[in-house]
N, C-alpha and C. Protein backbone atom coordinates (compact mmCIF):
# COMPACT_ATOMS: atom_id res chain seq x y z
N MET A 1 1.03 -1.29 -0.20
CA MET A 1 0.51 -0.05 -0.19
C MET A 1 0.99 1.16 0.37
N ASN A 2 0.30 1.73 -1.01
CA ASN A 2 1.35 3.25 -1.03
C ASN A 2 0.41 4.44 -1.20
N GLY A 3 -0.22 4.24 0.26
CA GLY A 3 -0.86 5.58 0.81
C GLY A 3 0.05 6.66 1.23
N PRO A 4 -1.04 7.53 2.03
CA PRO A 4 -0.21 9.10 2.02
C PRO A 4 0.41 8.17 3.56
N ASP A 5 1.22 9.04 4.19
CA ASP A 5 2.02 8.18 5.50
C ASP A 5 1.60 9.40 6.49
N ASN A 6 0.70 8.69 7.56
CA ASN A 6 -0.01 9.47 8.33
C ASN A 6 0.79 9.98 9.24
N SER A 7 1.37 9.33 9.72
CA SER A 7 2.29 9.54 10.83
C SER A 7 3.64 10.51 10.35
N SER A 8 3.79 11.58 9.37
CA SER A 8 3.85 12.90 8.54
C SER A 8 2.76 13.47 8.93
N ALA A 9 2.07 13.79 8.56
CA ALA A 9 0.74 14.64 8.32
C ALA A 9 0.11 14.96 10.07
N SER A 10 0.37 14.14 10.76
CA SER A 10 0.39 14.04 12.90
C SER A 10 1.45 14.90 12.94
N GLU A 11 2.47 14.85 12.12
CA GLU A 11 3.69 15.69 13.21
C GLU A 11 3.94 16.97 12.42
N LYS A 12 3.43 17.99 11.34
CA LYS A 12 3.42 18.36 11.34
C LYS A 12 2.32 19.30 11.38
N ALA A 13 1.25 18.93 12.04
CA ALA A 13 0.03 19.56 12.24
C ALA A 13 -0.21 20.04 13.47
N PRO A 14 1.10 19.83 14.68
CA PRO A 14 1.46 20.77 16.15
C PRO A 14 2.00 22.29 15.60
N ASP A 15 3.10 21.52 14.47
CA ASP A 15 3.94 22.62 14.03
C ASP A 15 3.24 23.97 13.12
N SER A 16 2.04 23.21 12.69
CA SER A 16 1.59 24.39 11.77
C SER A 16 0.41 25.08 13.21
N LEU A 17 -0.15 24.12 13.44
CA LEU A 17 -1.17 25.14 14.87
C LEU A 17 -0.25 26.00 15.83
N GLN A 18 0.69 25.50 15.92
CA GLN A 18 2.26 26.25 17.08
C GLN A 18 2.30 28.05 15.98
N ALA A 19 2.53 27.05 14.40
CA ALA A 19 2.69 28.68 13.96
C ALA A 19 1.49 29.78 14.02
N GLN A 20 0.29 28.94 13.20
CA GLN A 20 -0.72 29.86 13.59
C GLN A 20 -1.43 30.33 14.66
N VAL A 21 -0.52 29.94 15.88
CA VAL A 21 -1.70 30.76 17.88
C VAL A 21 -0.11 31.05 17.38
N ASP A 22 1.23 31.80 17.44
CA ASP A 22 1.82 32.20 17.66
C ASP A 22 2.05 33.44 16.83
N SER A 23 1.78 33.56 15.34
CA SER A 23 0.90 34.57 13.98
C SER A 23 0.12 34.78 15.31
N LEU A 24 -1.20 34.53 15.68
CA LEU A 24 -2.27 35.23 16.35
C LEU A 24 -1.85 35.86 17.30
N ARG A 25 -0.85 35.25 18.06
CA ARG A 25 -0.25 35.99 19.68
C ARG A 25 0.42 37.41 19.19
N LYS A 26 1.05 38.02 18.19
CA LYS A 26 1.95 38.70 17.07
C LYS A 26 0.62 39.54 16.85
N LEU A 27 -0.97 39.52 16.80
CA LEU A 27 -1.43 40.07 15.86
C LEU A 27 -2.08 40.69 16.47
N PHE A 28 -2.44 40.19 17.75
CA PHE A 28 -3.01 40.74 19.05
C PHE A 28 -2.30 41.13 19.96
N ALA A 29 -0.84 41.53 19.93
CA ALA A 29 0.13 42.00 20.38
C ALA A 29 0.43 43.27 19.39
N ILE A 30 0.23 43.30 18.57
CA ILE A 30 0.16 44.71 17.51
C ILE A 30 -0.80 45.50 17.47
N THR A 31 -2.51 44.38 17.48
CA THR A 31 -3.97 45.36 17.41
C THR A 31 -3.81 45.70 18.89
N LEU A 32 -3.36 45.63 20.20
CA LEU A 32 -3.26 46.25 21.71
C LEU A 32 -2.30 47.16 21.15
N VAL A 33 -0.96 47.54 20.91
CA VAL A 33 -0.27 48.59 20.38
C VAL A 33 -0.69 49.68 20.43
N VAL A 34 -1.24 49.25 18.61
CA VAL A 34 -2.15 50.03 18.14
C VAL A 34 -3.22 51.12 18.60
N LEU A 35 -4.14 49.96 19.18
CA LEU A 35 -5.40 50.24 19.78
C LEU A 35 -4.91 51.80 21.32
N VAL A 36 -3.59 51.04 22.15
CA VAL A 36 -3.06 52.32 22.92
C VAL A 36 -2.41 53.79 22.34
N PHE A 37 -1.89 53.61 21.07
CA PHE A 37 -1.71 54.83 20.85
C PHE A 37 -2.74 55.39 20.22
N PHE A 38 -3.36 54.53 19.57
CA PHE A 38 -5.16 55.34 18.71
C PHE A 38 -5.67 55.81 20.44
N THR A 39 -5.99 55.10 20.91
CA THR A 39 -6.27 56.14 22.16
C THR A 39 -5.70 57.10 22.80
N ALA A 40 -3.97 57.12 22.72
CA ALA A 40 -3.33 58.44 23.59
C ALA A 40 -3.96 59.63 22.40
N ALA A 41 -3.71 59.00 20.93
CA ALA A 41 -4.26 59.93 20.25
C ALA A 41 -5.40 60.62 20.61
N ILE A 42 -6.20 60.03 20.50
CA ILE A 42 -7.20 60.37 21.27
C ILE A 42 -8.06 61.50 22.01
N ASP A 43 -7.05 60.84 23.19
CA ASP A 43 -7.45 61.87 24.57
C ASP A 43 -6.54 63.04 24.00
N LEU A 44 -5.16 62.69 23.80
CA LEU A 44 -4.80 64.17 23.03
C LEU A 44 -5.32 64.80 22.52
N TYR A 45 -6.12 64.83 21.60
CA TYR A 45 -7.36 65.58 20.55
C TYR A 45 -8.54 66.41 21.03
N LEU A 46 -8.70 65.17 22.83
CA LEU A 46 -9.71 65.61 23.71
C LEU A 46 -9.53 66.82 24.58
N ILE A 47 -8.34 66.28 25.47
CA ILE A 47 -7.56 67.57 26.27
C ILE A 47 -7.32 68.98 25.43
N ARG A 48 -6.71 69.13 23.69
CA ARG A 48 -6.74 70.21 23.15
C ARG A 48 -7.83 70.82 23.67
N GLN A 49 -8.42 69.66 22.66
CA GLN A 49 -10.35 70.64 22.92
C GLN A 49 -10.62 71.29 23.97
N VAL A 50 -10.66 71.03 24.84
CA VAL A 50 -11.00 71.60 26.07
C VAL A 50 -10.08 72.39 26.57
N MET A 51 -8.76 72.75 26.86
CA MET A 51 -8.16 73.46 26.22
C MET A 51 -8.27 75.16 25.65
N ASN A 52 -8.96 74.46 23.94
CA ASN A 52 -9.55 75.17 23.50
C ASN A 52 -10.74 76.17 23.98
N VAL A 53 -11.55 75.45 24.01
CA VAL A 53 -12.75 75.72 24.90
C VAL A 53 -12.55 76.55 26.05
N ARG A 54 -11.93 76.44 27.04
CA ARG A 54 -11.47 77.45 28.23
C ARG A 54 -11.05 78.36 28.48
N GLY A 55 -10.29 78.52 26.74
CA GLY A 55 -9.66 79.63 26.56
C GLY A 55 -10.44 80.45 25.82
N ALA A 56 -11.58 79.79 25.18
CA ALA A 56 -13.18 81.10 24.58
C ALA A 56 -13.88 81.54 25.41
N LEU A 57 -13.74 80.59 26.78
CA LEU A 57 -15.20 80.73 27.67
C LEU A 57 -14.34 82.12 28.17
N VAL A 58 -13.44 82.95 28.25
CA VAL A 58 -12.65 84.15 29.16
C VAL A 58 -13.54 85.31 28.32
N PRO A 59 -13.25 85.56 27.23
CA PRO A 59 -14.15 86.56 26.64
C PRO A 59 -15.62 86.63 27.12
N GLN A 60 -16.07 85.17 26.37
CA GLN A 60 -17.30 84.78 26.91
C GLN A 60 -18.16 85.71 28.27
N ALA A 61 -17.25 84.67 29.02
CA ALA A 61 -17.56 85.74 30.31
C ALA A 61 -17.58 86.56 30.82
N ALA A 62 -16.69 87.51 30.69
CA ALA A 62 -16.59 89.48 30.72
C ALA A 62 -18.30 89.56 29.57
N ALA A 63 -18.38 89.27 28.71
CA ALA A 63 -19.62 89.68 27.93
C ALA A 63 -20.51 89.65 29.10
N ILE A 64 -20.39 87.84 29.10
CA ILE A 64 -22.21 87.56 29.92
C ILE A 64 -21.87 88.52 31.59
N GLU A 65 -20.67 88.81 32.07
CA GLU A 65 -20.70 89.60 33.42
C GLU A 65 -21.43 91.11 33.01
N GLN A 66 -21.25 91.49 31.56
CA GLN A 66 -21.39 92.85 31.49
C GLN A 66 -22.87 93.19 30.89
N PHE A 67 -23.54 92.36 30.88
CA PHE A 67 -24.71 92.05 30.09
C PHE A 67 -25.33 91.52 31.66
N THR A 68 -24.84 90.91 32.06
CA THR A 68 -25.88 91.24 34.03
C THR A 68 -25.69 92.35 34.38
N ARG A 69 -24.63 93.29 33.92
CA ARG A 69 -24.18 93.80 35.83
C ARG A 69 -25.46 95.33 34.78
N VAL A 70 -24.79 95.61 33.42
CA VAL A 70 -25.04 97.17 32.87
C VAL A 70 -26.69 96.65 31.76
N GLU A 71 -27.13 95.37 31.33
CA GLU A 71 -27.67 95.58 30.27
C GLU A 71 -29.07 94.72 30.57
N LEU A 72 -29.05 94.76 31.56
CA LEU A 72 -30.45 93.41 32.14
C LEU A 72 -30.64 94.78 33.04
N PRO A 73 -30.38 95.56 33.78
CA PRO A 73 -31.24 95.99 34.63
C PRO A 73 -32.53 97.09 33.55
N ASN A 74 -30.65 97.50 32.43
CA ASN A 74 -31.75 98.44 31.24
C ASN A 74 -32.91 97.64 30.72
N ILE A 75 -32.87 96.35 30.24
CA ILE A 75 -33.90 96.06 30.07
C ILE A 75 -35.40 95.64 31.17
N GLN A 76 -34.65 95.39 32.08
CA GLN A 76 -35.87 95.45 33.24
C GLN A 76 -36.63 96.35 33.87
N ALA A 77 -35.59 97.44 33.49
CA ALA A 77 -36.18 99.46 33.95
C ALA A 77 -36.88 99.19 33.08
N PHE A 78 -37.00 99.49 31.49
CA PHE A 78 -37.86 99.15 30.28
C PHE A 78 -38.92 98.90 30.76
N THR A 79 -39.16 97.31 30.91
CA THR A 79 -39.66 96.25 30.48
C THR A 79 -41.15 96.64 31.71
N THR A 80 -40.74 96.74 32.54
CA THR A 80 -41.36 97.37 33.65
C THR A 80 -42.44 99.19 33.53
N SER A 81 -41.34 99.34 33.12
CA SER A 81 -41.93 100.90 31.51
C SER A 81 -43.03 100.60 31.45
N LEU A 82 -42.56 100.24 30.21
CA LEU A 82 -43.92 99.50 29.59
C LEU A 82 -44.91 98.58 29.79
N GLN A 83 -45.27 97.81 30.76
CA GLN A 83 -46.10 97.22 31.61
C GLN A 83 -47.38 98.66 32.54
N THR A 84 -46.38 99.64 32.85
CA THR A 84 -46.86 100.77 33.04
C THR A 84 -47.70 101.18 32.10
N PHE A 85 -46.79 101.45 31.25
CA PHE A 85 -47.58 102.58 30.15
C PHE A 85 -49.05 101.55 29.68
N ALA A 86 -48.47 99.92 29.28
CA ALA A 86 -49.94 99.75 29.90
C ALA A 86 -51.46 100.21 30.46
N LYS A 87 -51.01 100.14 31.51
CA LYS A 87 -52.28 100.48 32.79
C LYS A 87 -52.62 101.50 32.17
N THR A 88 -52.29 102.02 31.79
CA THR A 88 -52.92 104.06 31.01
C THR A 88 -53.69 103.44 29.21
N HIS A 89 -52.58 102.82 28.69
CA HIS A 89 -52.89 102.75 27.77
C HIS A 89 -53.44 101.40 27.19
N PRO A 90 -54.43 100.66 27.22
CA PRO A 90 -55.03 99.14 26.83
C PRO A 90 -54.53 98.70 25.65
N ASP A 91 -54.57 99.76 24.84
CA ASP A 91 -53.95 99.54 23.50
C ASP A 91 -53.07 98.46 22.70
N ILE A 92 -52.22 98.75 24.03
CA ILE A 92 -50.29 97.94 23.64
C ILE A 92 -50.46 96.63 24.00
N ASN A 93 -51.61 96.22 24.89
CA ASN A 93 -51.32 95.26 25.83
C ASN A 93 -50.80 93.59 25.34
N PRO A 94 -51.78 93.67 23.20
CA PRO A 94 -51.82 92.49 22.24
C PRO A 94 -50.22 92.51 22.28
N ILE A 95 -49.29 94.14 22.12
CA ILE A 95 -47.95 93.68 21.18
C ILE A 95 -47.26 92.92 23.15
N LEU A 96 -47.78 93.20 23.34
CA LEU A 96 -47.04 93.09 25.08
C LEU A 96 -47.16 91.43 25.20
N ALA A 97 -48.53 90.84 25.34
CA ALA A 97 -48.66 89.58 24.96
C ALA A 97 -48.25 88.51 24.15
N LYS A 98 -48.04 89.45 22.62
CA LYS A 98 -46.48 88.49 21.84
C LYS A 98 -45.95 88.21 22.51
N TYR A 99 -45.10 89.05 23.46
CA TYR A 99 -43.33 88.71 24.00
C TYR A 99 -43.82 88.51 25.61
N SER A 100 -45.52 87.79 26.18
CA SER A 100 -45.16 87.36 27.14
C SER A 100 -45.37 88.48 28.61
N LEU A 101 -45.42 89.79 28.10
CA LEU A 101 -44.60 90.74 29.15
C LEU A 101 -46.24 92.06 29.70
N VAL A 102 -47.68 90.99 29.35
CA VAL A 102 -48.86 91.33 29.69
C VAL A 102 -48.28 91.43 31.74
N PRO A 103 -49.07 93.06 32.34
CA PRO A 103 -48.60 93.18 33.97
C PRO A 103 -49.37 92.37 34.50
N LYS A 104 -48.97 91.54 35.30
CA LYS A 104 -50.25 90.69 36.07
C LYS A 104 -51.02 91.78 36.86
N PRO A 105 -52.78 91.09 36.73
CA PRO A 105 -53.26 91.65 38.13
C PRO A 105 -52.62 92.22 39.15
N ASN A 106 -53.06 93.25 40.08
CA ASN A 106 -52.73 92.95 41.41
C ASN A 106 -53.21 91.71 42.11
N VAL A 107 -53.11 90.81 42.62
CA VAL A 107 -53.99 89.87 43.06
C VAL A 107 -54.50 90.67 44.81
N ALA A 108 -56.18 91.17 45.39
CA ALA A 108 -56.31 91.06 46.14
C ALA A 108 -56.07 90.13 47.50
N ALA A 109 -55.43 90.10 48.47
CA ALA A 109 -54.94 89.43 49.48
C ALA A 109 -56.41 89.14 49.66
N PRO A 110 -55.71 87.43 50.48
CA PRO A 110 -57.51 86.74 50.64
C PRO A 110 -58.11 87.42 52.37
N SER A 111 -59.11 87.54 52.27
CA SER A 111 -59.76 88.45 53.66
C SER A 111 -59.76 87.17 54.73
N ALA A 112 -59.56 88.37 56.03
CA ALA A 112 -58.81 87.32 57.62
C ALA A 112 -60.22 86.28 57.50
N THR A 113 -61.31 86.36 57.46
CA THR A 113 -62.73 85.54 58.11
C THR A 113 -62.95 84.91 55.90
N THR A 114 -63.39 83.77 56.73
CA THR A 114 -62.95 82.75 55.55
C THR A 114 -65.29 82.16 55.98
N PRO A 115 -66.29 81.93 54.94
CA PRO A 115 -67.45 81.83 55.50
C PRO A 115 -66.71 80.14 56.15
N LYS A 116 -67.85 79.36 56.67
CA LYS A 116 -68.03 78.28 57.72
C LYS A 116 -69.00 76.98 57.45
């Protein structure tokens, strides 16, 4: 019988499997190294973006301070004067209603005596 030799095939199989396992280990190690570098690059990018945003907030914080200190009281005074004007000139109430500035009517305090 001149068939294939089974002993030589079984000897080559462990060597082939070991080579494949070694190849997979190398591939896994390379993948982990690439993943670490990729993660580090993303972290550096995000840190840089945070620094840019923090730098951009400084001028905007000054603008917000300017608004709340100077302009907001002027707007509130103007709104109050419009509402006072609307009490004597009711024809402006539709315009104030459009911007939700209609003055609230004075609510009478509840009387001390309550019906029993």
